[in-house]
Amino acid sequence: MFKGRLDLSRLSVGGHSFGGGTAVGATADPRSTFKACLALDSWMFPLGNDIFSRKRTTPVLYLNSEIFQWEENLVAMRKWVRQGPQTQLTIFFFF
């Protein structure tokens, strides 16, 4: 059904929470050919510190709700600034 319909030369990766952290980690794999990464409410803690020493060129967009804005998580996200392009947006919900 998908044969001939997918352009594998223009893949992106994304995920939510642990999947968001996993998607970001996937961009640091030297075999990665991802063109972009969307990390929704990414939980960065499980990645470990060794991941931040890897070279990354894939642009990352972090889209977080305020509940994912604790200090250790933000520090981990900011470590990627030195490694490549990224944007971080926070959505605040008011009830």
N, C-alpha and C. Protein backbone atom coordinates (compact mmCIF):
# COMPACT_ATOMS: atom_id res chain seq x y z
N MET A 1 0.81 -1.18 0.00
CA MET A 1 0.00 0.00 0.00
C MET A 1 0.87 1.27 0.00
N PHE A 2 2.02 1.24 0.69
CA PHE A 2 2.88 2.42 0.74
C PHE A 2 4.00 2.39 -0.29
N LYS A 3 4.13 1.31 -1.03
CA LYS A 3 5.22 1.17 -1.99
C LYS A 3 5.18 2.32 -3.00
N GLY A 4 6.33 3.03 -3.10
CA GLY A 4 6.43 4.14 -4.02
C GLY A 4 5.79 5.43 -3.53
N ARG A 5 5.24 5.44 -2.35
CA ARG A 5 4.56 6.63 -1.82
C ARG A 5 5.33 7.35 -0.73
N LEU A 6 6.33 6.72 -0.18
CA LEU A 6 7.11 7.32 0.89
C LEU A 6 8.45 7.80 0.37
N ASP A 7 8.80 9.04 0.69
CA ASP A 7 10.10 9.59 0.32
C ASP A 7 11.04 9.39 1.49
N LEU A 8 11.79 8.32 1.47
CA LEU A 8 12.66 7.97 2.58
C LEU A 8 13.88 8.87 2.69
N SER A 9 14.08 9.77 1.75
CA SER A 9 15.20 10.71 1.83
C SER A 9 14.82 11.95 2.62
N ARG A 10 13.55 12.06 3.05
CA ARG A 10 13.08 13.25 3.77
C ARG A 10 12.30 12.85 5.02
N LEU A 11 12.89 12.02 5.84
CA LEU A 11 12.22 11.54 7.06
C LEU A 11 12.37 12.52 8.21
N SER A 12 11.34 12.60 9.03
CA SER A 12 11.36 13.34 10.29
C SER A 12 10.99 12.38 11.40
N VAL A 13 11.29 12.77 12.62
CA VAL A 13 10.98 11.94 13.77
C VAL A 13 10.29 12.81 14.81
N GLY A 14 9.41 12.20 15.59
CA GLY A 14 8.73 12.95 16.63
C GLY A 14 8.20 12.02 17.69
N GLY A 15 7.82 12.58 18.83
CA GLY A 15 7.26 11.78 19.89
C GLY A 15 6.80 12.65 21.04
N HIS A 16 6.09 12.02 21.97
CA HIS A 16 5.56 12.70 23.14
C HIS A 16 6.12 12.08 24.41
N SER A 17 6.46 12.92 25.38
CA SER A 17 6.96 12.50 26.68
C SER A 17 8.23 11.66 26.52
N PHE A 18 8.22 10.41 26.95
CA PHE A 18 9.41 9.56 26.77
C PHE A 18 9.72 9.39 25.28
N GLY A 19 8.68 9.34 24.46
CA GLY A 19 8.88 9.25 23.00
C GLY A 19 9.53 10.51 22.44
N GLY A 20 9.23 11.67 23.05
CA GLY A 20 9.88 12.91 22.63
C GLY A 20 11.37 12.89 22.93
N GLY A 21 11.73 12.42 24.11
CA GLY A 21 13.14 12.28 24.45
C GLY A 21 13.83 11.26 23.56
N THR A 22 13.12 10.18 23.27
CA THR A 22 13.66 9.15 22.38
C THR A 22 13.88 9.70 20.97
N ALA A 23 12.94 10.51 20.50
CA ALA A 23 13.08 11.12 19.17
C ALA A 23 14.30 12.04 19.13
N VAL A 24 14.48 12.84 20.17
CA VAL A 24 15.66 13.71 20.25
C VAL A 24 16.93 12.87 20.27
N GLY A 25 16.94 11.80 21.06
CA GLY A 25 18.09 10.91 21.11
C GLY A 25 18.39 10.27 19.76
N ALA A 26 17.35 9.98 19.00
CA ALA A 26 17.55 9.37 17.68
C ALA A 26 18.28 10.30 16.73
N THR A 27 18.14 11.61 16.92
CA THR A 27 18.84 12.55 16.04
C THR A 27 20.34 12.57 16.30
N ALA A 28 20.76 12.05 17.46
CA ALA A 28 22.19 12.03 17.79
C ALA A 28 22.88 10.77 17.30
N ASP A 29 22.13 9.83 16.77
CA ASP A 29 22.73 8.61 16.24
C ASP A 29 23.51 8.98 14.98
N PRO A 30 24.77 8.57 14.87
CA PRO A 30 25.57 8.94 13.69
C PRO A 30 24.98 8.43 12.38
N ARG A 31 24.13 7.42 12.44
CA ARG A 31 23.50 6.90 11.22
C ARG A 31 22.23 7.66 10.86
N SER A 32 21.82 8.60 11.72
CA SER A 32 20.56 9.32 11.53
C SER A 32 20.57 10.15 10.24
N THR A 33 19.49 10.06 9.51
CA THR A 33 19.29 10.90 8.32
C THR A 33 18.02 11.73 8.46
N PHE A 34 17.53 11.88 9.70
CA PHE A 34 16.32 12.66 9.93
C PHE A 34 16.54 14.12 9.55
N LYS A 35 15.55 14.71 8.93
CA LYS A 35 15.62 16.11 8.50
C LYS A 35 15.09 17.06 9.56
N ALA A 36 14.25 16.57 10.48
CA ALA A 36 13.69 17.41 11.54
C ALA A 36 13.20 16.52 12.68
N CYS A 37 13.03 17.14 13.85
CA CYS A 37 12.54 16.42 15.03
C CYS A 37 11.51 17.29 15.74
N LEU A 38 10.36 16.71 16.07
CA LEU A 38 9.34 17.38 16.86
C LEU A 38 9.21 16.65 18.19
N ALA A 39 9.55 17.33 19.27
CA ALA A 39 9.53 16.73 20.60
C ALA A 39 8.41 17.38 21.41
N LEU A 40 7.34 16.64 21.63
CA LEU A 40 6.18 17.15 22.36
C LEU A 40 6.28 16.74 23.83
N ASP A 41 6.27 17.73 24.72
CA ASP A 41 6.39 17.46 26.15
C ASP A 41 7.50 16.45 26.42
N SER A 42 8.65 16.71 25.83
CA SER A 42 9.72 15.71 25.90
C SER A 42 10.27 15.55 27.30
N TRP A 43 10.45 14.32 27.70
CA TRP A 43 11.05 13.95 28.97
C TRP A 43 12.48 13.56 28.67
N MET A 44 13.44 14.43 28.98
CA MET A 44 14.82 14.26 28.56
C MET A 44 15.67 13.45 29.53
N PHE A 45 15.24 13.30 30.78
CA PHE A 45 16.04 12.65 31.81
C PHE A 45 16.53 11.26 31.43
N PRO A 46 15.72 10.40 30.81
CA PRO A 46 16.19 9.03 30.53
C PRO A 46 17.32 8.94 29.50
N LEU A 47 17.61 10.02 28.78
CA LEU A 47 18.63 9.94 27.74
C LEU A 47 20.03 9.66 28.28
N GLY A 48 20.35 10.14 29.45
CA GLY A 48 21.69 9.96 29.99
C GLY A 48 22.63 11.03 29.47
N ASN A 49 23.71 11.28 30.18
CA ASN A 49 24.63 12.37 29.82
C ASN A 49 25.48 12.09 28.60
N ASP A 50 25.75 10.84 28.29
CA ASP A 50 26.62 10.53 27.14
C ASP A 50 26.00 10.99 25.82
N ILE A 51 24.70 11.07 25.75
CA ILE A 51 24.03 11.46 24.50
C ILE A 51 24.36 12.90 24.11
N PHE A 52 24.64 13.74 25.12
CA PHE A 52 24.87 15.16 24.85
C PHE A 52 26.25 15.44 24.27
N SER A 53 27.13 14.47 24.29
CA SER A 53 28.45 14.66 23.70
C SER A 53 28.47 14.32 22.21
N ARG A 54 27.38 13.79 21.71
CA ARG A 54 27.32 13.42 20.29
C ARG A 54 26.97 14.62 19.42
N LYS A 55 27.50 14.63 18.22
CA LYS A 55 27.23 15.72 17.28
C LYS A 55 25.83 15.54 16.69
N ARG A 56 25.10 16.65 16.62
CA ARG A 56 23.75 16.62 16.08
C ARG A 56 23.56 17.82 15.16
N THR A 57 22.99 17.60 13.99
CA THR A 57 22.70 18.69 13.07
C THR A 57 21.22 18.80 12.75
N THR A 58 20.44 17.84 13.18
CA THR A 58 19.00 17.85 12.90
C THR A 58 18.32 18.94 13.73
N PRO A 59 17.52 19.81 13.11
CA PRO A 59 16.78 20.81 13.88
C PRO A 59 15.73 20.14 14.76
N VAL A 60 15.59 20.64 15.99
CA VAL A 60 14.63 20.11 16.96
C VAL A 60 13.67 21.22 17.36
N LEU A 61 12.38 20.93 17.34
CA LEU A 61 11.36 21.82 17.87
C LEU A 61 10.78 21.17 19.11
N TYR A 62 11.01 21.80 20.27
CA TYR A 62 10.40 21.35 21.53
C TYR A 62 9.09 22.11 21.69
N LEU A 63 8.00 21.41 21.86
CA LEU A 63 6.71 22.03 22.12
C LEU A 63 6.21 21.44 23.44
N ASN A 64 6.28 22.25 24.50
CA ASN A 64 6.01 21.78 25.85
C ASN A 64 4.84 22.50 26.49
N SER A 65 4.08 21.76 27.26
CA SER A 65 3.13 22.39 28.16
C SER A 65 3.89 22.72 29.45
N GLU A 66 3.31 23.58 30.27
CA GLU A 66 4.05 24.04 31.45
C GLU A 66 4.39 22.93 32.43
N ILE A 67 3.69 21.83 32.39
CA ILE A 67 3.95 20.73 33.32
C ILE A 67 5.32 20.07 33.07
N PHE A 68 5.87 20.24 31.87
CA PHE A 68 7.17 19.65 31.55
C PHE A 68 8.30 20.67 31.72
N GLN A 69 8.08 21.75 32.44
CA GLN A 69 9.05 22.81 32.59
C GLN A 69 9.78 22.74 33.93
N TRP A 70 10.21 21.58 34.37
CA TRP A 70 11.00 21.53 35.60
C TRP A 70 12.47 21.71 35.24
N GLU A 71 13.26 22.18 36.20
CA GLU A 71 14.62 22.64 35.95
C GLU A 71 15.52 21.60 35.29
N GLU A 72 15.55 20.37 35.79
CA GLU A 72 16.44 19.35 35.22
C GLU A 72 16.10 19.07 33.76
N ASN A 73 14.81 19.08 33.44
CA ASN A 73 14.39 18.83 32.06
C ASN A 73 14.81 19.98 31.14
N LEU A 74 14.66 21.22 31.63
CA LEU A 74 15.07 22.38 30.83
C LEU A 74 16.57 22.41 30.62
N VAL A 75 17.33 22.04 31.64
CA VAL A 75 18.79 22.00 31.51
C VAL A 75 19.18 21.00 30.42
N ALA A 76 18.54 19.85 30.41
CA ALA A 76 18.84 18.83 29.39
C ALA A 76 18.49 19.34 28.00
N MET A 77 17.37 20.03 27.86
CA MET A 77 16.99 20.59 26.55
C MET A 77 18.01 21.63 26.09
N ARG A 78 18.45 22.46 27.02
CA ARG A 78 19.40 23.52 26.66
C ARG A 78 20.77 22.97 26.26
N LYS A 79 21.13 21.80 26.73
CA LYS A 79 22.41 21.20 26.34
C LYS A 79 22.48 21.00 24.83
N TRP A 80 21.34 20.83 24.21
CA TRP A 80 21.31 20.62 22.76
C TRP A 80 21.60 21.89 21.98
N VAL A 81 21.50 23.06 22.62
CA VAL A 81 21.75 24.33 21.93
C VAL A 81 23.15 24.33 21.33
N ARG A 82 24.11 23.82 22.08
CA ARG A 82 25.49 23.78 21.59
C ARG A 82 25.67 22.78 20.46
N GLN A 83 24.76 21.84 20.35
CA GLN A 83 24.93 20.76 19.39
C GLN A 83 24.27 21.02 18.04
N GLY A 84 23.33 21.93 17.96
CA GLY A 84 22.66 22.16 16.69
C GLY A 84 21.44 23.04 16.86
N PRO A 85 20.73 23.29 15.76
CA PRO A 85 19.58 24.20 15.81
C PRO A 85 18.40 23.60 16.57
N GLN A 86 17.73 24.45 17.35
CA GLN A 86 16.54 24.03 18.06
C GLN A 86 15.70 25.24 18.41
N THR A 87 14.44 25.01 18.65
CA THR A 87 13.51 26.02 19.11
C THR A 87 12.71 25.41 20.24
N GLN A 88 12.45 26.20 21.26
CA GLN A 88 11.67 25.69 22.39
C GLN A 88 10.48 26.62 22.61
N LEU A 89 9.28 26.05 22.57
CA LEU A 89 8.05 26.79 22.82
C LEU A 89 7.32 26.15 23.99
N THR A 90 6.71 26.99 24.81
CA THR A 90 5.93 26.49 25.94
C THR A 90 4.50 26.97 25.82
N ILE A 91 3.57 26.08 26.03
CA ILE A 91 2.15 26.42 26.02
C ILE A 91 1.67 26.44 27.46
N PHE A 92 1.11 27.55 27.87
CA PHE A 92 0.56 27.66 29.22
C PHE A 92 -0.95 27.58 29.13
N PHE A 93 -1.52 26.72 29.94
CA PHE A 93 -2.97 26.55 29.97
C PHE A 93 -3.53 27.29 31.17
N PHE A 94 -4.54 28.08 30.93
CA PHE A 94 -5.21 28.82 32.00
C PHE A 94 -6.64 28.33 32.12
N PHE A 95 -7.02 27.94 33.32
CA PHE A 95 -8.39 27.44 33.55
C PHE A 95 -9.11 28.37 34.48
